[in-house]
Every structure is written in structure tokens, then in C-alpha cells.
Amino acid sequence: MATIELPDELIALERTAWAEIQAGALTVPTAQAVHQAIAAHAEATGIPRLDIETALKRRVRHPEPAPA
């Protein structure tokens, strides 16, 4: 899969959602905000929503280690 450019705002929303998930406290408004932002980015870029969501979750939940 090619690298997908993800806006900082989208990454911040997913980080908030991930923190809530880890705390067992994900709220509907947070989940909706992430979903709507992913859908908007997919529409604006023409990239499938699933590809954006996968890239976003990979970046936030499984970040690459920093080079030494």
C-alpha cells in the first residue's frame, strides 16, 4: 500500500479515540468525529475510506520506532 498523507487533525482525533478505547471510555461523539473525519478525507482525496482508516490506525496504534 502506498503511503497515505494524513492530516494532523485526523491523527489527533484518532489519538483521542485510542486513548479513550484504552481507558475503556470511548464516547459516541469521539467515535463519530473520527468516522466523519475519515469519510470527509476519503471524499476529498478519492482514497477509499477503509484504506485511510487502516493507515490511520496503523500510524496511531502501531507507530514505527524512531530511528536510532
PDB file of N, CA and C in Angstrom:
ATOM      1  N   MET A   1       0.843  -1.176   0.000  1.00  0.00           N
ATOM      2  CA  MET A   1       0.000   0.000   0.000  1.00  0.00           C
ATOM      3  C   MET A   1       0.889   1.239   0.000  1.00  0.00           C
ATOM      4  N   ALA A   2       0.524   2.195  -0.831  1.00  0.00           N
ATOM      5  CA  ALA A   2       1.267   3.452  -0.891  1.00  0.00           C
ATOM      6  C   ALA A   2       1.043   4.239   0.399  1.00  0.00           C
ATOM      7  N   THR A   3       1.971   5.119   0.691  1.00  0.00           N
ATOM      8  CA  THR A   3       1.836   5.957   1.878  1.00  0.00           C
ATOM      9  C   THR A   3       0.686   6.933   1.677  1.00  0.00           C
ATOM     10  N   ILE A   4      -0.188   7.017   2.635  1.00  0.00           N
ATOM     11  CA  ILE A   4      -1.334   7.920   2.582  1.00  0.00           C
ATOM     12  C   ILE A   4      -1.037   9.107   3.486  1.00  0.00           C
ATOM     13  N   GLU A   5      -1.180  10.298   2.922  1.00  0.00           N
ATOM     14  CA  GLU A   5      -0.985  11.511   3.710  1.00  0.00           C
ATOM     15  C   GLU A   5      -2.182  11.689   4.635  1.00  0.00           C
ATOM     16  N   LEU A   6      -1.907  11.848   5.911  1.00  0.00           N
ATOM     17  CA  LEU A   6      -2.962  12.007   6.911  1.00  0.00           C
ATOM     18  C   LEU A   6      -2.828  13.380   7.565  1.00  0.00           C
ATOM     19  N   PRO A   7      -3.904  14.176   7.548  1.00  0.00           N
ATOM     20  CA  PRO A   7      -3.831  15.495   8.178  1.00  0.00           C
ATOM     21  C   PRO A   7      -3.631  15.390   9.693  1.00  0.00           C
ATOM     22  N   ASP A   8      -2.952  16.366  10.250  1.00  0.00           N
ATOM     23  CA  ASP A   8      -2.689  16.383  11.690  1.00  0.00           C
ATOM     24  C   ASP A   8      -3.972  16.309  12.515  1.00  0.00           C
ATOM     25  N   GLU A   9      -5.038  16.973  12.042  1.00  0.00           N
ATOM     26  CA  GLU A   9      -6.307  16.978  12.777  1.00  0.00           C
ATOM     27  C   GLU A   9      -6.884  15.565  12.864  1.00  0.00           C
ATOM     28  N   LEU A  10      -6.754  14.802  11.783  1.00  0.00           N
ATOM     29  CA  LEU A  10      -7.267  13.433  11.762  1.00  0.00           C
ATOM     30  C   LEU A  10      -6.465  12.547  12.709  1.00  0.00           C
ATOM     31  N   ILE A  11      -5.160  12.732  12.718  1.00  0.00           N
ATOM     32  CA  ILE A  11      -4.299  11.967  13.628  1.00  0.00           C
ATOM     33  C   ILE A  11      -4.643  12.305  15.076  1.00  0.00           C
ATOM     34  N   ALA A  12      -4.868  13.574  15.360  1.00  0.00           N
ATOM     35  CA  ALA A  12      -5.220  13.988  16.730  1.00  0.00           C
ATOM     36  C   ALA A  12      -6.550  13.373  17.164  1.00  0.00           C
ATOM     37  N   LEU A  13      -7.527  13.347  16.269  1.00  0.00           N
ATOM     38  CA  LEU A  13      -8.815  12.726  16.609  1.00  0.00           C
ATOM     39  C   LEU A  13      -8.647  11.245  16.918  1.00  0.00           C
ATOM     40  N   GLU A  14      -7.861  10.550  16.096  1.00  0.00           N
ATOM     41  CA  GLU A  14      -7.651   9.113  16.326  1.00  0.00           C
ATOM     42  C   GLU A  14      -6.877   8.874  17.612  1.00  0.00           C
ATOM     43  N   ARG A  15      -5.922   9.734  17.935  1.00  0.00           N
ATOM     44  CA  ARG A  15      -5.189   9.591  19.199  1.00  0.00           C
ATOM     45  C   ARG A  15      -6.131   9.742  20.388  1.00  0.00           C
ATOM     46  N   THR A  16      -7.062  10.690  20.299  1.00  0.00           N
ATOM     47  CA  THR A  16      -8.052  10.866  21.367  1.00  0.00           C
ATOM     48  C   THR A  16      -8.909   9.620  21.497  1.00  0.00           C
ATOM     49  N   ALA A  17      -9.380   9.107  20.362  1.00  0.00           N
ATOM     50  CA  ALA A  17     -10.215   7.906  20.385  1.00  0.00           C
ATOM     51  C   ALA A  17      -9.437   6.723  20.943  1.00  0.00           C
ATOM     52  N   TRP A  18      -8.195   6.556  20.544  1.00  0.00           N
ATOM     53  CA  TRP A  18      -7.376   5.442  21.010  1.00  0.00           C
ATOM     54  C   TRP A  18      -7.161   5.532  22.516  1.00  0.00           C
ATOM     55  N   ALA A  19      -6.919   6.729  23.027  1.00  0.00           N
ATOM     56  CA  ALA A  19      -6.754   6.903  24.475  1.00  0.00           C
ATOM     57  C   ALA A  19      -8.043   6.533  25.207  1.00  0.00           C
ATOM     58  N   GLU A  20      -9.178   6.941  24.646  1.00  0.00           N
ATOM     59  CA  GLU A  20     -10.454   6.596  25.266  1.00  0.00           C
ATOM     60  C   GLU A  20     -10.691   5.089  25.226  1.00  0.00           C
ATOM     61  N   ILE A  21     -10.349   4.452  24.113  1.00  0.00           N
ATOM     62  CA  ILE A  21     -10.507   2.996  23.993  1.00  0.00           C
ATOM     63  C   ILE A  21      -9.656   2.299  25.051  1.00  0.00           C
ATOM     64  N   GLN A  22      -8.404   2.714  25.188  1.00  0.00           N
ATOM     65  CA  GLN A  22      -7.511   2.089  26.153  1.00  0.00           C
ATOM     66  C   GLN A  22      -8.002   2.276  27.588  1.00  0.00           C
ATOM     67  N   ALA A  23      -8.698   3.382  27.839  1.00  0.00           N
ATOM     68  CA  ALA A  23      -9.230   3.648  29.176  1.00  0.00           C
ATOM     69  C   ALA A  23     -10.606   3.006  29.370  1.00  0.00           C
ATOM     70  N   GLY A  24     -11.119   2.378  28.329  1.00  0.00           N
ATOM     71  CA  GLY A  24     -12.441   1.774  28.410  1.00  0.00           C
ATOM     72  C   GLY A  24     -13.551   2.805  28.460  1.00  0.00           C
ATOM     73  N   ALA A  25     -13.306   3.969  27.835  1.00  0.00           N
ATOM     74  CA  ALA A  25     -14.265   5.059  27.951  1.00  0.00           C
ATOM     75  C   ALA A  25     -14.522   5.760  26.616  1.00  0.00           C
ATOM     76  N   LEU A  26     -14.503   5.010  25.509  1.00  0.00           N
ATOM     77  CA  LEU A  26     -14.767   5.622  24.210  1.00  0.00           C
ATOM     78  C   LEU A  26     -16.197   6.154  24.189  1.00  0.00           C
ATOM     79  N   THR A  27     -16.343   7.413  23.794  1.00  0.00           N
ATOM     80  CA  THR A  27     -17.665   8.028  23.726  1.00  0.00           C
ATOM     81  C   THR A  27     -18.176   8.031  22.290  1.00  0.00           C
ATOM     82  N   VAL A  28     -19.475   8.067  22.148  1.00  0.00           N
ATOM     83  CA  VAL A  28     -20.096   8.126  20.823  1.00  0.00           C
ATOM     84  C   VAL A  28     -19.644   9.390  20.075  1.00  0.00           C
ATOM     85  N   PRO A  29     -19.625  10.566  20.714  1.00  0.00           N
ATOM     86  CA  PRO A  29     -19.183  11.750  19.985  1.00  0.00           C
ATOM     87  C   PRO A  29     -17.747  11.625  19.442  1.00  0.00           C
ATOM     88  N   THR A  30     -16.867  11.031  20.213  1.00  0.00           N
ATOM     89  CA  THR A  30     -15.494  10.851  19.742  1.00  0.00           C
ATOM     90  C   THR A  30     -15.463   9.897  18.559  1.00  0.00           C
ATOM     91  N   ALA A  31     -16.145   8.782  18.669  1.00  0.00           N
ATOM     92  CA  ALA A  31     -16.179   7.808  17.577  1.00  0.00           C
ATOM     93  C   ALA A  31     -16.782   8.421  16.319  1.00  0.00           C
ATOM     94  N   GLN A  32     -17.856   9.186  16.474  1.00  0.00           N
ATOM     95  CA  GLN A  32     -18.487   9.832  15.328  1.00  0.00           C
ATOM     96  C   GLN A  32     -17.563  10.859  14.693  1.00  0.00           C
ATOM     97  N   ALA A  33     -16.853  11.608  15.504  1.00  0.00           N
ATOM     98  CA  ALA A  33     -15.944  12.624  14.973  1.00  0.00           C
ATOM     99  C   ALA A  33     -14.851  11.982  14.122  1.00  0.00           C
ATOM    100  N   VAL A  34     -14.301  10.874  14.597  1.00  0.00           N
ATOM    101  CA  VAL A  34     -13.262  10.174  13.830  1.00  0.00           C
ATOM    102  C   VAL A  34     -13.857   9.634  12.532  1.00  0.00           C
ATOM    103  N   HIS A  35     -14.996   8.986  12.626  1.00  0.00           N
ATOM    104  CA  HIS A  35     -15.636   8.414  11.444  1.00  0.00           C
ATOM    105  C   HIS A  35     -15.933   9.496  10.402  1.00  0.00           C
ATOM    106  N   GLN A  36     -16.496  10.621  10.830  1.00  0.00           N
ATOM    107  CA  GLN A  36     -16.827  11.701   9.913  1.00  0.00           C
ATOM    108  C   GLN A  36     -15.575  12.307   9.285  1.00  0.00           C
ATOM    109  N   ALA A  37     -14.507  12.440  10.065  1.00  0.00           N
ATOM    110  CA  ALA A  37     -13.267  13.000   9.533  1.00  0.00           C
ATOM    111  C   ALA A  37     -12.632  12.055   8.513  1.00  0.00           C
ATOM    112  N   ILE A  38     -12.689  10.761   8.772  1.00  0.00           N
ATOM    113  CA  ILE A  38     -12.165   9.778   7.821  1.00  0.00           C
ATOM    114  C   ILE A  38     -12.970   9.833   6.528  1.00  0.00           C
ATOM    115  N   ALA A  39     -14.296   9.859   6.654  1.00  0.00           N
ATOM    116  CA  ALA A  39     -15.162   9.908   5.469  1.00  0.00           C
ATOM    117  C   ALA A  39     -14.917  11.179   4.656  1.00  0.00           C
ATOM    118  N   ALA A  40     -14.763  12.304   5.327  1.00  0.00           N
ATOM    119  CA  ALA A  40     -14.507  13.570   4.636  1.00  0.00           C
ATOM    120  C   ALA A  40     -13.167  13.534   3.912  1.00  0.00           C
ATOM    121  N   HIS A  41     -12.153  12.963   4.554  1.00  0.00           N
ATOM    122  CA  HIS A  41     -10.831  12.877   3.930  1.00  0.00           C
ATOM    123  C   HIS A  41     -10.876  11.938   2.726  1.00  0.00           C
ATOM    124  N   ALA A  42     -11.625  10.857   2.849  1.00  0.00           N
ATOM    125  CA  ALA A  42     -11.766   9.918   1.727  1.00  0.00           C
ATOM    126  C   ALA A  42     -12.441  10.606   0.545  1.00  0.00           C
ATOM    127  N   GLU A  43     -13.476  11.356   0.818  1.00  0.00           N
ATOM    128  CA  GLU A  43     -14.183  12.056  -0.254  1.00  0.00           C
ATOM    129  C   GLU A  43     -13.295  13.114  -0.909  1.00  0.00           C
ATOM    130  N   ALA A  44     -12.536  13.835  -0.091  1.00  0.00           N
ATOM    131  CA  ALA A  44     -11.676  14.906  -0.613  1.00  0.00           C
ATOM    132  C   ALA A  44     -10.502  14.374  -1.431  1.00  0.00           C
ATOM    133  N   THR A  45     -10.003  13.200  -1.073  1.00  0.00           N
ATOM    134  CA  THR A  45      -8.807  12.677  -1.735  1.00  0.00           C
ATOM    135  C   THR A  45      -9.099  11.611  -2.777  1.00  0.00           C
ATOM    136  N   GLY A  46     -10.292  11.010  -2.717  1.00  0.00           N
ATOM    137  CA  GLY A  46     -10.605   9.916  -3.629  1.00  0.00           C
ATOM    138  C   GLY A  46      -9.999   8.589  -3.204  1.00  0.00           C
ATOM    139  N   ILE A  47      -9.411   8.556  -2.019  1.00  0.00           N
ATOM    140  CA  ILE A  47      -8.828   7.326  -1.475  1.00  0.00           C
ATOM    141  C   ILE A  47      -9.939   6.587  -0.734  1.00  0.00           C
ATOM    142  N   PRO A  48     -10.041   5.268  -0.903  1.00  0.00           N
ATOM    143  CA  PRO A  48     -11.087   4.527  -0.191  1.00  0.00           C
ATOM    144  C   PRO A  48     -11.009   4.741   1.330  1.00  0.00           C
ATOM    145  N   ARG A  49     -12.182   4.891   1.935  1.00  0.00           N
ATOM    146  CA  ARG A  49     -12.274   5.136   3.374  1.00  0.00           C
ATOM    147  C   ARG A  49     -11.549   4.066   4.176  1.00  0.00           C
ATOM    148  N   LEU A  50     -11.690   2.820   3.777  1.00  0.00           N
ATOM    149  CA  LEU A  50     -11.050   1.731   4.507  1.00  0.00           C
ATOM    150  C   LEU A  50      -9.527   1.865   4.473  1.00  0.00           C
ATOM    151  N   ASP A  51      -8.975   2.291   3.350  1.00  0.00           N
ATOM    152  CA  ASP A  51      -7.523   2.477   3.253  1.00  0.00           C
ATOM    153  C   ASP A  51      -7.047   3.587   4.192  1.00  0.00           C
ATOM    154  N   ILE A  52      -7.825   4.659   4.260  1.00  0.00           N
ATOM    155  CA  ILE A  52      -7.467   5.763   5.161  1.00  0.00           C
ATOM    156  C   ILE A  52      -7.556   5.312   6.609  1.00  0.00           C
ATOM    157  N   GLU A  53      -8.640   4.616   6.949  1.00  0.00           N
ATOM    158  CA  GLU A  53      -8.814   4.152   8.329  1.00  0.00           C
ATOM    159  C   GLU A  53      -7.699   3.196   8.734  1.00  0.00           C
ATOM    160  N   THR A  54      -7.331   2.299   7.839  1.00  0.00           N
ATOM    161  CA  THR A  54      -6.253   1.345   8.129  1.00  0.00           C
ATOM    162  C   THR A  54      -4.931   2.068   8.353  1.00  0.00           C
ATOM    163  N   ALA A  55      -4.602   3.001   7.466  1.00  0.00           N
ATOM    164  CA  ALA A  55      -3.349   3.759   7.600  1.00  0.00           C
ATOM    165  C   ALA A  55      -3.351   4.578   8.891  1.00  0.00           C
ATOM    166  N   LEU A  56      -4.481   5.168   9.207  1.00  0.00           N
ATOM    167  CA  LEU A  56      -4.588   5.993  10.412  1.00  0.00           C
ATOM    168  C   LEU A  56      -4.396   5.157  11.672  1.00  0.00           C
ATOM    169  N   LYS A  57      -5.085   4.030  11.740  1.00  0.00           N
ATOM    170  CA  LYS A  57      -4.955   3.175  12.924  1.00  0.00           C
ATOM    171  C   LYS A  57      -3.542   2.620  13.044  1.00  0.00           C
ATOM    172  N   ARG A  58      -2.939   2.258  11.925  1.00  0.00           N
ATOM    173  CA  ARG A  58      -1.563   1.751  11.957  1.00  0.00           C
ATOM    174  C   ARG A  58      -0.623   2.822  12.497  1.00  0.00           C
ATOM    175  N   ARG A  59      -0.808   4.059  12.029  1.00  0.00           N
ATOM    176  CA  ARG A  59       0.081   5.147  12.453  1.00  0.00           C
ATOM    177  C   ARG A  59      -0.069   5.475  13.939  1.00  0.00           C
ATOM    178  N   VAL A  60      -1.310   5.487  14.430  1.00  0.00           N
ATOM    179  CA  VAL A  60      -1.555   5.869  15.822  1.00  0.00           C
ATOM    180  C   VAL A  60      -1.315   4.708  16.782  1.00  0.00           C
ATOM    181  N   ARG A  61      -1.786   3.524  16.417  1.00  0.00           N
ATOM    182  CA  ARG A  61      -1.742   2.399  17.349  1.00  0.00           C
ATOM    183  C   ARG A  61      -0.467   1.576  17.270  1.00  0.00           C
ATOM    184  N   HIS A  62       0.210   1.625  16.147  1.00  0.00           N
ATOM    185  CA  HIS A  62       1.427   0.823  15.952  1.00  0.00           C
ATOM    186  C   HIS A  62       2.496   1.680  15.282  1.00  0.00           C
ATOM    187  N   PRO A  63       2.922   2.758  15.931  1.00  0.00           N
ATOM    188  CA  PRO A  63       3.891   3.668  15.302  1.00  0.00           C
ATOM    189  C   PRO A  63       5.245   2.993  15.076  1.00  0.00           C
ATOM    190  N   GLU A  64       5.892   3.437  14.023  1.00  0.00           N
ATOM    191  CA  GLU A  64       7.251   2.965  13.731  1.00  0.00           C
ATOM    192  C   GLU A  64       8.184   3.505  14.804  1.00  0.00           C
ATOM    193  N   PRO A  65       9.137   2.677  15.258  1.00  0.00           N
ATOM    194  CA  PRO A  65      10.101   3.218  16.240  1.00  0.00           C
ATOM    195  C   PRO A  65      10.965   4.306  15.601  1.00  0.00           C
ATOM    196  N   ALA A  66      11.339   5.255  16.415  1.00  0.00           N
ATOM    197  CA  ALA A  66      12.191   6.352  15.938  1.00  0.00           C
ATOM    198  C   ALA A  66      13.569   5.799  15.578  1.00  0.00           C
ATOM    199  N   PRO A  67      14.149   6.315  14.487  1.00  0.00           N
ATOM    200  CA  PRO A  67      15.495   5.836  14.133  1.00  0.00           C
ATOM    201  C   PRO A  67      16.515   6.166  15.219  1.00  0.00           C
ATOM    202  N   ALA A  68      17.435   5.279  15.417  1.00  0.00           N
ATOM    203  CA  ALA A  68      18.447   5.469  16.469  1.00  0.00           C
ATOM    204  C   ALA A  68      19.532   6.415  16.044  1.00  0.00           C
TER     205      ALA A  68
END
